[in-house]
Amino acid sequence: MSMPLECYLVVSTLLFFIGVYGFIVRKSLISILMSIELILNAVNINFVAFNRFLYPDQLEGFIYSLFVIVIAAAETAVAISIIINVYRAKKNIDVKSINQLKN
């Protein structure tokens, strides 16, 4: 028995807005990075769900999801290295400390 498309879209929408809320509200760079990952995972759910219901014999949604996962992994590696450098310089990973690096 298959779940309807609306169930996938509800989960994806909730995940997306939780990520947007976390991105706006959080002050820590790690929390902001995790919020961005939530947003990208919501996009992955949409790709796979629409592929399953619109084109069940093709794998386009799965391939797009694979690309998004690879890009998210690269983005995470770069972001973590930036966060480590910020921590080494300021001993803090709050967003406000990044503005202080300009001086």
Protein backbone atom coordinates (compact mmCIF):
# COMPACT_ATOMS: atom_id res chain seq x y z
CA MET A 1 0.00 0.00 0.00
CA SER A 2 1.42 3.33 -1.04
CA MET A 3 1.16 6.64 0.76
CA PRO A 4 -0.37 9.52 -1.20
CA LEU A 5 1.80 12.31 -2.55
CA GLU A 6 0.32 14.78 -0.07
CA CYS A 7 1.92 12.96 2.87
CA TYR A 8 5.37 13.38 1.36
CA LEU A 9 4.68 17.02 0.59
CA VAL A 10 3.50 17.71 4.15
CA VAL A 11 6.66 16.17 5.62
CA SER A 12 8.82 18.04 3.13
CA THR A 13 7.09 21.35 3.85
CA LEU A 14 7.46 20.91 7.60
CA LEU A 15 11.13 20.05 7.20
CA PHE A 16 11.68 23.04 4.93
CA PHE A 17 10.06 25.55 7.28
CA ILE A 18 11.82 24.12 10.32
CA GLY A 19 15.08 24.67 8.43
CA VAL A 20 14.14 28.23 7.45
CA TYR A 21 13.12 29.02 11.03
CA GLY A 22 16.40 27.61 12.35
CA PHE A 23 18.37 29.58 9.77
CA ILE A 24 16.72 32.85 10.76
CA VAL A 25 16.65 32.39 14.55
CA ARG A 26 19.90 30.62 15.42
CA LYS A 27 23.09 32.46 16.27
CA SER A 28 25.56 29.57 16.13
CA LEU A 29 27.18 28.76 12.81
CA ILE A 30 26.80 25.02 13.40
CA SER A 31 23.05 25.41 13.98
CA ILE A 32 22.73 27.49 10.83
CA LEU A 33 24.59 24.81 8.89
CA MET A 34 22.25 22.12 10.22
CA SER A 35 19.26 24.26 9.20
CA ILE A 36 20.59 24.52 5.66
CA GLU A 37 20.95 20.73 5.60
CA LEU A 38 17.29 20.40 6.65
CA ILE A 39 16.26 22.63 3.75
CA LEU A 40 18.29 20.55 1.29
CA ASN A 41 16.78 17.32 2.65
CA ALA A 42 13.30 18.76 2.14
CA VAL A 43 14.22 19.37 -1.50
CA ASN A 44 15.45 15.76 -1.77
CA ILE A 45 12.13 14.44 -0.47
CA ASN A 46 10.30 16.49 -3.10
CA PHE A 47 12.54 15.23 -5.91
CA VAL A 48 12.05 11.60 -4.98
CA ALA A 49 8.31 11.91 -4.27
CA PHE A 50 7.51 13.67 -7.53
CA ASN A 51 9.68 11.24 -9.46
CA ARG A 52 7.87 8.28 -7.90
CA PHE A 53 4.41 9.60 -8.66
CA LEU A 54 4.97 11.30 -12.03
CA TYR A 55 7.58 9.04 -13.65
CA PRO A 56 7.66 5.72 -11.79
CA ASP A 57 9.77 3.98 -14.45
CA GLN A 58 12.51 6.62 -14.60
CA LEU A 59 15.16 7.57 -12.06
CA GLU A 60 15.48 11.32 -12.71
CA GLY A 61 14.36 12.38 -9.22
CA PHE A 62 16.78 9.95 -7.62
CA ILE A 63 19.65 11.23 -9.74
CA TYR A 64 18.83 14.84 -8.85
CA SER A 65 18.73 13.83 -5.20
CA LEU A 66 22.14 12.26 -5.54
CA PHE A 67 23.52 15.51 -6.96
CA VAL A 68 21.95 17.49 -4.10
CA ILE A 69 23.51 15.12 -1.54
CA VAL A 70 26.94 15.49 -3.17
CA ILE A 71 26.63 19.29 -3.22
CA ALA A 72 25.44 19.29 0.40
CA ALA A 73 28.44 17.20 1.43
CA ALA A 74 30.83 19.58 -0.33
CA GLU A 75 29.05 22.58 1.19
CA THR A 76 29.28 21.03 4.63
CA ALA A 77 33.01 20.36 4.27
CA VAL A 78 33.71 23.94 3.22
CA ALA A 79 31.45 25.38 5.93
CA ILE A 80 33.04 23.27 8.66
CA SER A 81 36.50 24.39 7.60
CA ILE A 82 35.38 28.04 7.69
CA ILE A 83 33.80 27.51 11.12
CA ILE A 84 37.03 25.93 12.42
CA ASN A 85 39.04 28.92 11.18
CA VAL A 86 36.58 31.33 12.81
CA TYR A 87 36.84 29.41 16.07
CA ARG A 88 40.65 29.47 15.94
CA ALA A 89 40.65 33.21 15.40
CA LYS A 90 37.91 34.28 17.83
CA LYS A 91 37.34 31.26 20.14
CA ASN A 92 33.64 31.67 19.39
CA ILE A 93 31.33 30.48 16.60
CA ASP A 94 28.52 33.01 16.93
CA VAL A 95 27.43 34.90 13.84
CA LYS A 96 28.41 38.22 15.41
CA SER A 97 32.05 37.13 15.61
CA ILE A 98 32.25 36.89 11.81
CA ASN A 99 31.62 40.63 11.44
CA GLN A 100 34.54 41.20 13.80
CA LEU A 101 36.91 39.33 11.46
CA LYS A 102 36.81 42.23 9.01
CA ASN A 103 38.95 44.34 11.33
